[in-house]
Each structure stands twice: as structure tokens, then as C-alpha cells.
Amino acid sequence: MLKQFVAYLIFDLMNLDRSSRLSNVLDFFVYETIKIFVLLTIIIFVVSIIRSYFPPERTKKILSHKKLFIGNISAALLGIVTPFCSCSAVPLFIGFIEAGVPLGVTISFLISSPMVNEVAVVLLWGLFGWKITAIYISTGLLVAIFGGFVIGKLRLEKWVEEYVYKLRVEQGHEIIKQIFKDRLQYAQDNTKDILKRVWLFILIAIGIGGFIHGYVPQDFLVQYAGPRNPFAVPVAVLLGVPLYSNAAGMIPIVYALMEKGLSMGTVLAFMMAVTALSFPEMIILRKVLKVPLLAVFVGIMTVTIILVGYLFNAIL
């Protein structure tokens, strides 16, 4: 229904040539914009209600007594339903360390939370189906669990900035009970707030996706990051590092790249690099991590994401 309406708007009312690149870009842009913002509004509202049951104090309490591998799994799973963006990394990191959450467990949460974004999960399901969505979830969790576990085993607490351990969390935080009406109001306010903060990034992402869809020759992308290039996955990761976007904002670009013939593993590696390994996020994390620990974090993430990309290129 929506696709037919957009086609009517672009090709009939605007009288644009169906074979022109501009009309295809506009068709892609208008259709994806309407669809994504409708989905985002619904999804963010529902997820906000869920998030109202997991305030930061409760999240820290859940993780504070978890250790080793079980703690990494719990933290990674919890990161899915508490989708903080990388801009929240510093206060979350400090809060978790204050609460006594082990460093490796904290890292697993901080990887999973922006990477396995539940908004992106629903959008991926709608665009690509449940199998691709399951791959996205499983690989994101794998990276989060493995990355946090390795850092935890290396015992790198000495490379956390000293001021983080000097801070003391106030004891006796009371988790305020809310009636459902309050949760609905919170969801409404949070939905408006998130949309105000991300709408421009999503429009830019859709615009990039539309440009790729209409103007970038398929042979160009296939040549440098296509299935025949053995270095396609590392190239995709390197291209993703300078960018900054949340997982939901990456969906239109992912869709356009897959339409151009890029393999799923390569596109998945690109998406994971943008959401969990971007240069802006590293700048933010540098406020709480010393350079050696940040380098270890980047190294583990890079190797793991590349391996995941190669793995799924081999099996899909």
C-alpha cells in the first residue's frame, strides 16, 4: 500500500521518468523515510515502556554480583533491552564500576547496548526476515560476550582512569515504583526526545542509502567490497570506523549495500564497525579508558568483527 502510494506520488503526480536515477533516489528516500519513522515511533514507544522497568540503578544492581563468563552473557543480554547509545558510555561506565560490576562485564554491556539495538532488530526483521535478524542478534551478542570476557581475563583495571575508582556511588538509591500511566507518559516523552535527537541522522542515512541505490555503480562496490575480494570485510570495517550512527540509522544504508550485491557478512561487519567501533565513540571512551586499554578494546573488537564477517560470508 505504502509503496504504491509513493510510486504514484513520485512517478505520476511529479511526472518523473521511472528509468531516471533521480526518480529512483526519490522513490527510495520517500518510501524509506515514511516507513522507518512510522516504525520508529511505534517501536521506541513500546521499548520505552520496557526500559521504564530497567532504570540505571536496577541495571547496575542486576550486574553487580555477576562474575566471569555468566556475567558477560547476562550483561550482553541486558544490553539488548537497555539500548543506551555510545554517548551514554562515560556515565554508564562510571556507574557500573562504582557499583562493583567487574570491568569485563561492564565492557560486554557497553558493546551490546549500542550494537544490538532493538529498534534495528525490528527494522531488520521487516526488511530482511527473521533469519538475517537472528544472525544480527547472535553475532552482536557473540562480539559483546567475547570482547568483555577477554578484557576481564586480562585484568586490565589498572588502565582505567584513576578518577573513576575515586568516585563513590551514593548508597541506598531507591527505585521509584511507577504506575502504568506514568510509564506511558515516560514512553511518550522519551519517544519525542529520541526522535528529536535522531531524526536528522536517520534522514542523512536514508539519503546516503538512496544515493548508493541510485547513483553508485554496482560494479564499483562489488570490485572493492564484493564477494570476489578476499579483503572485502577488512575494507568494510575500515570504511565504517570514521562514521557515526546508531544501528537504526544504518538500516537504509545496509539495505542499499545489499541491493548492490555485497555479501551479508561484509555488510554486517560494516554495520557493526559503525555502531560499536566508530572513531567518535572511541573519543568518548577515552575519557574513562587509558590509551593501552582503549587499544586493547579496539583490537579485540576489530579482530572479532572481521572474523564474524568472514564467518557469515562463508556460511551464507
Protein backbone atom coordinates (compact mmCIF):
# COMPACT_ATOMS: atom_id res chain seq x y z
CA MET A 1 0.00 0.00 0.00
CA LEU A 2 2.69 2.49 1.04
CA LYS A 3 5.00 1.54 -1.82
CA GLN A 4 2.21 2.03 -4.36
CA PHE A 5 1.34 5.41 -2.84
CA VAL A 6 4.95 6.59 -3.01
CA ALA A 7 5.29 5.36 -6.58
CA TYR A 8 2.11 7.24 -7.51
CA LEU A 9 3.45 10.38 -5.81
CA ILE A 10 6.87 10.25 -7.48
CA PHE A 11 6.12 8.90 -10.92
CA ASP A 12 2.56 10.06 -11.57
CA LEU A 13 1.95 13.29 -9.67
CA MET A 14 5.51 14.55 -10.11
CA ASN A 15 5.64 13.06 -13.60
CA LEU A 16 9.22 11.80 -13.24
CA ASP A 17 10.79 9.27 -15.56
CA ARG A 18 10.74 5.82 -13.96
CA SER A 19 14.08 4.96 -15.54
CA SER A 20 15.95 8.04 -14.28
CA ARG A 21 18.35 7.80 -11.36
CA LEU A 22 16.89 10.85 -9.63
CA SER A 23 13.38 9.38 -9.60
CA ASN A 24 14.69 6.11 -8.18
CA VAL A 25 16.56 8.00 -5.46
CA LEU A 26 13.44 10.00 -4.57
CA ASP A 27 11.30 6.86 -4.58
CA PHE A 28 13.76 5.14 -2.23
CA PHE A 29 14.09 8.20 0.02
CA VAL A 30 10.38 8.97 0.44
CA TYR A 31 9.35 5.34 0.90
CA GLU A 32 12.10 4.50 3.41
CA THR A 33 11.60 7.77 5.32
CA ILE A 34 7.88 7.22 5.87
CA LYS A 35 8.30 3.54 6.70
CA ILE A 36 11.21 3.98 9.09
CA PHE A 37 9.74 6.90 11.02
CA VAL A 38 6.39 5.16 11.44
CA LEU A 39 8.15 2.02 12.66
CA LEU A 40 10.50 4.01 14.89
CA THR A 41 7.65 5.89 16.56
CA ILE A 42 5.83 2.66 17.39
CA ILE A 43 8.93 0.73 18.40
CA ILE A 44 10.52 3.45 20.53
CA PHE A 45 7.24 3.93 22.40
CA VAL A 46 6.95 0.20 23.20
CA VAL A 47 10.62 -0.14 24.08
CA SER A 48 10.45 2.94 26.30
CA ILE A 49 7.79 1.22 28.38
CA ILE A 50 10.09 -1.79 28.71
CA ARG A 51 13.01 0.47 29.59
CA SER A 52 10.98 2.05 32.39
CA TYR A 53 11.37 -1.27 34.23
CA PHE A 54 15.18 -1.10 33.88
CA PRO A 55 16.47 2.22 35.28
CA PRO A 56 20.26 2.52 35.61
CA GLU A 57 20.16 1.69 39.33
CA ARG A 58 18.36 -1.57 38.69
CA THR A 59 20.65 -2.41 35.79
CA LYS A 60 23.71 -1.94 37.96
CA LYS A 61 22.13 -4.00 40.73
CA ILE A 62 21.46 -6.89 38.37
CA LEU A 63 25.06 -6.96 37.16
CA SER A 64 26.96 -6.05 40.32
CA HIS A 65 27.23 -9.62 41.60
CA LYS A 66 27.82 -11.34 38.27
CA LYS A 67 31.27 -12.67 37.51
CA LEU A 68 33.25 -14.21 34.67
CA PHE A 69 31.52 -15.75 31.67
CA ILE A 70 27.99 -15.84 33.15
CA GLY A 71 28.25 -12.16 33.94
CA ASN A 72 29.31 -11.39 30.37
CA ILE A 73 26.32 -13.28 28.98
CA SER A 74 23.94 -11.54 31.39
CA ALA A 75 25.38 -8.14 30.58
CA ALA A 76 25.21 -8.71 26.82
CA LEU A 77 21.59 -9.87 27.04
CA LEU A 78 20.65 -6.97 29.28
CA GLY A 79 22.26 -4.59 26.79
CA ILE A 80 19.61 -5.53 24.22
CA VAL A 81 16.70 -4.31 26.34
CA THR A 82 18.54 -1.26 27.73
CA PRO A 83 19.65 0.38 24.49
CA PHE A 84 21.93 3.19 25.56
CA CYS A 85 23.86 4.91 22.77
CA SER A 86 27.61 5.44 22.88
CA CYS A 87 27.12 9.00 24.15
CA SER A 88 26.00 7.39 27.43
CA ALA A 89 29.21 5.35 27.68
CA VAL A 90 31.01 7.56 30.19
CA PRO A 91 28.30 7.89 32.88
CA LEU A 92 27.33 4.24 32.47
CA PHE A 93 30.91 3.07 32.75
CA ILE A 94 31.45 5.12 35.90
CA GLY A 95 28.17 3.97 37.41
CA PHE A 96 28.90 0.28 36.77
CA ILE A 97 32.41 0.48 38.21
CA GLU A 98 31.04 2.33 41.27
CA ALA A 99 28.50 -0.43 41.79
CA GLY A 100 31.22 -3.08 41.76
CA VAL A 101 30.46 -4.53 38.34
CA PRO A 102 33.63 -6.25 37.00
CA LEU A 103 35.39 -4.45 34.16
CA GLY A 104 34.88 -7.26 31.64
CA VAL A 105 31.17 -7.47 32.41
CA THR A 106 30.85 -3.71 32.01
CA ILE A 107 32.57 -3.90 28.61
CA SER A 108 30.14 -6.61 27.46
CA PHE A 109 27.21 -4.37 28.31
CA LEU A 110 28.74 -1.33 26.63
CA ILE A 111 29.35 -3.31 23.43
CA SER A 112 25.93 -4.96 23.34
CA SER A 113 23.85 -1.92 24.23
CA PRO A 114 24.58 0.23 21.15
CA MET A 115 25.34 -2.69 18.81
CA VAL A 116 22.33 -4.97 19.33
CA ASN A 117 19.75 -2.21 19.10
CA GLU A 118 16.19 -3.50 19.43
CA VAL A 119 14.94 -0.82 17.04
CA ALA A 120 17.31 -2.17 14.41
CA VAL A 121 16.16 -5.71 15.22
CA VAL A 122 12.56 -4.90 14.33
CA LEU A 123 13.57 -2.92 11.24
CA LEU A 124 15.85 -5.73 10.06
CA TRP A 125 13.03 -8.21 10.58
CA GLY A 126 10.75 -6.13 8.41
CA LEU A 127 13.33 -5.64 5.66
CA PHE A 128 15.20 -8.95 5.56
CA GLY A 129 13.23 -11.51 7.57
CA TRP A 130 13.87 -13.42 10.78
CA LYS A 131 16.94 -15.37 9.62
CA ILE A 132 19.05 -12.28 8.93
CA THR A 133 17.74 -10.73 12.14
CA ALA A 134 18.79 -13.81 14.11
CA ILE A 135 22.25 -13.54 12.57
CA TYR A 136 22.47 -9.90 13.58
CA ILE A 137 21.46 -10.64 17.18
CA SER A 138 23.70 -13.70 17.57
CA THR A 139 26.79 -12.04 16.13
CA GLY A 140 26.29 -8.88 18.18
CA LEU A 141 25.97 -10.94 21.35
CA LEU A 142 28.99 -13.05 20.38
CA VAL A 143 31.17 -9.96 19.95
CA ALA A 144 29.93 -8.45 23.22
CA ILE A 145 30.41 -11.63 25.25
CA PHE A 146 33.80 -12.49 23.77
CA GLY A 147 35.17 -8.95 23.93
CA GLY A 148 34.15 -8.42 27.55
CA PHE A 149 35.31 -11.89 28.62
CA VAL A 150 38.80 -11.42 27.13
CA ILE A 151 39.25 -7.99 28.68
CA GLY A 152 38.04 -9.37 32.01
CA LYS A 153 40.52 -12.26 31.90
CA LEU A 154 43.39 -9.89 31.08
CA ARG A 155 42.68 -7.97 34.32
CA LEU A 156 43.20 -4.53 32.85
CA GLU A 157 41.63 -2.48 35.64
CA LYS A 158 44.92 -0.58 36.07
CA TRP A 159 44.31 1.01 32.67
CA VAL A 160 41.02 2.60 33.73
CA GLU A 161 41.38 6.30 34.54
CA GLU A 162 42.08 6.73 38.27
CA TYR A 163 39.27 9.22 38.89
CA VAL A 164 36.70 6.53 38.02
CA TYR A 165 37.68 4.48 41.07
CA LYS A 166 37.90 7.55 43.31
CA LEU A 167 34.25 8.34 42.75
CA ARG A 168 31.84 6.86 45.23
CA VAL A 169 28.32 5.97 44.38
CA GLU A 170 25.68 7.16 46.79
CA GLN A 171 24.27 4.25 48.70
CA GLY A 172 20.62 3.48 49.13
CA HIS A 173 19.31 4.51 45.71
CA GLU A 174 15.62 3.79 45.84
CA ILE A 175 13.99 2.53 42.69
CA ILE A 176 10.79 4.53 42.48
CA LYS A 177 7.75 2.43 41.64
CA GLN A 178 5.64 3.78 38.81
CA ILE A 179 2.05 3.15 37.89
CA PHE A 180 1.41 2.19 34.28
CA LYS A 181 0.06 5.66 33.48
CA ASP A 182 3.42 7.14 34.48
CA ARG A 183 5.20 4.63 32.25
CA LEU A 184 3.01 5.62 29.30
CA GLN A 185 3.82 9.27 29.90
CA TYR A 186 7.52 8.43 30.13
CA ALA A 187 7.28 6.46 26.88
CA GLN A 188 5.57 9.37 25.13
CA ASP A 189 8.14 11.89 26.33
CA ASN A 190 11.05 9.56 25.58
CA THR A 191 9.75 8.88 22.08
CA LYS A 192 9.57 12.60 21.32
CA ASP A 193 13.01 13.16 22.80
CA ILE A 194 14.68 10.35 20.85
CA LEU A 195 13.03 11.34 17.58
CA LYS A 196 14.19 14.93 18.07
CA ARG A 197 17.75 13.73 18.59
CA VAL A 198 17.98 11.15 15.80
CA TRP A 199 15.71 12.39 13.00
CA LEU A 200 18.47 14.27 11.20
CA PHE A 201 20.92 11.34 11.41
CA ILE A 202 18.29 8.97 10.05
CA LEU A 203 17.43 11.32 7.18
CA ILE A 204 21.13 11.58 6.34
CA ALA A 205 21.46 7.78 6.47
CA ILE A 206 18.42 7.35 4.23
CA GLY A 207 19.88 9.95 1.88
CA ILE A 208 23.17 8.04 1.73
CA GLY A 209 21.26 4.84 1.12
CA GLY A 210 19.24 6.50 -1.63
CA PHE A 211 22.41 7.85 -3.27
CA ILE A 212 24.01 4.39 -3.18
CA HIS A 213 20.80 2.90 -4.51
CA GLY A 214 20.52 5.30 -7.45
CA TYR A 215 23.95 6.58 -8.36
CA VAL A 216 26.77 4.32 -7.16
CA PRO A 217 27.54 1.78 -9.89
CA GLN A 218 27.15 -1.79 -8.76
CA ASP A 219 30.49 -2.75 -10.30
CA PHE A 220 32.30 -0.16 -8.15
CA LEU A 221 31.10 -1.61 -4.84
CA VAL A 222 31.47 -5.20 -5.96
CA GLN A 223 35.03 -4.52 -7.11
CA TYR A 224 36.26 -3.21 -3.76
CA ALA A 225 33.99 -4.95 -1.27
CA GLY A 226 32.29 -7.65 -3.31
CA PRO A 227 32.33 -11.41 -2.83
CA ARG A 228 35.40 -11.86 -5.04
CA ASN A 229 37.57 -9.54 -2.97
CA PRO A 230 39.22 -11.54 -0.14
CA PHE A 231 39.80 -8.30 1.78
CA ALA A 232 36.20 -7.08 1.48
CA VAL A 233 35.47 -7.48 5.20
CA PRO A 234 38.51 -5.52 6.49
CA VAL A 235 37.80 -2.82 3.89
CA ALA A 236 34.20 -2.58 5.12
CA VAL A 237 35.36 -2.29 8.74
CA LEU A 238 37.85 0.45 7.87
CA LEU A 239 35.16 2.36 6.00
CA GLY A 240 32.83 2.09 8.99
CA VAL A 241 35.25 3.41 11.64
CA PRO A 242 35.12 7.13 10.68
CA LEU A 243 31.32 7.08 10.58
CA TYR A 244 28.95 7.57 13.50
CA SER A 245 25.39 6.32 13.63
CA ASN A 246 23.13 4.17 15.72
CA ALA A 247 22.04 0.78 14.42
CA ALA A 248 18.62 2.02 13.34
CA GLY A 249 20.18 4.75 11.24
CA MET A 250 22.35 2.17 9.47
CA ILE A 251 19.44 0.07 8.17
CA PRO A 252 18.75 2.09 4.98
CA ILE A 253 22.47 2.00 4.11
CA VAL A 254 22.64 -1.74 4.80
CA TYR A 255 19.61 -2.31 2.59
CA ALA A 256 21.13 -0.30 -0.26
CA LEU A 257 24.51 -2.05 0.02
CA MET A 258 22.91 -5.49 -0.09
CA GLU A 259 20.91 -4.47 -3.16
CA LYS A 260 24.23 -3.63 -4.83
CA GLY A 261 25.44 -7.19 -4.37
CA LEU A 262 27.55 -7.00 -1.22
CA SER A 263 27.52 -10.19 0.81
CA MET A 264 25.76 -10.33 4.16
CA GLY A 265 28.91 -10.87 6.21
CA THR A 266 30.61 -7.83 4.67
CA VAL A 267 27.59 -5.61 5.24
CA LEU A 268 27.18 -6.94 8.79
CA ALA A 269 30.83 -6.16 9.57
CA PHE A 270 30.37 -2.63 8.22
CA MET A 271 27.27 -2.10 10.33
CA MET A 272 28.95 -3.42 13.49
CA ALA A 273 32.01 -1.23 12.93
CA VAL A 274 29.86 1.89 12.61
CA THR A 275 27.76 1.16 15.70
CA ALA A 276 30.42 -0.20 18.07
CA LEU A 277 33.84 0.81 16.75
CA SER A 278 33.37 4.30 15.38
CA PHE A 279 36.05 6.96 15.91
CA PRO A 280 33.65 9.36 17.73
CA GLU A 281 32.77 6.61 20.21
CA MET A 282 36.47 5.97 20.86
CA ILE A 283 36.91 9.65 21.69
CA ILE A 284 34.10 9.36 24.23
CA LEU A 285 35.52 6.18 25.77
CA ARG A 286 38.96 7.78 26.05
CA LYS A 287 37.53 9.85 28.92
CA VAL A 288 37.39 6.74 31.10
CA LEU A 289 39.90 4.36 29.49
CA LYS A 290 43.65 4.88 29.28
CA VAL A 291 45.25 4.52 25.84
CA PRO A 292 46.55 0.94 26.38
CA LEU A 293 43.10 -0.36 27.41
CA LEU A 294 41.41 1.55 24.61
CA ALA A 295 43.90 0.00 22.17
CA VAL A 296 43.15 -3.49 23.51
CA PHE A 297 39.42 -2.81 23.23
CA VAL A 298 39.74 -1.61 19.64
CA GLY A 299 41.99 -4.53 18.71
CA ILE A 300 39.66 -7.18 20.13
CA MET A 301 36.63 -5.56 18.54
CA THR A 302 38.30 -5.22 15.14
CA VAL A 303 39.51 -8.82 15.02
CA THR A 304 36.20 -10.19 16.28
CA ILE A 305 34.07 -8.18 13.83
CA ILE A 306 36.29 -9.20 10.90
CA LEU A 307 36.08 -12.87 11.91
CA VAL A 308 32.29 -12.62 12.20
CA GLY A 309 32.13 -11.07 8.73
CA TYR A 310 34.23 -13.84 7.18
CA LEU A 311 32.25 -16.50 9.03
CA PHE A 312 28.90 -15.39 7.70
CA ASN A 313 30.26 -14.81 4.22
CA ALA A 314 31.32 -18.46 4.30
CA ILE A 315 28.02 -19.89 5.55
CA LEU A 316 25.55 -17.68 3.66
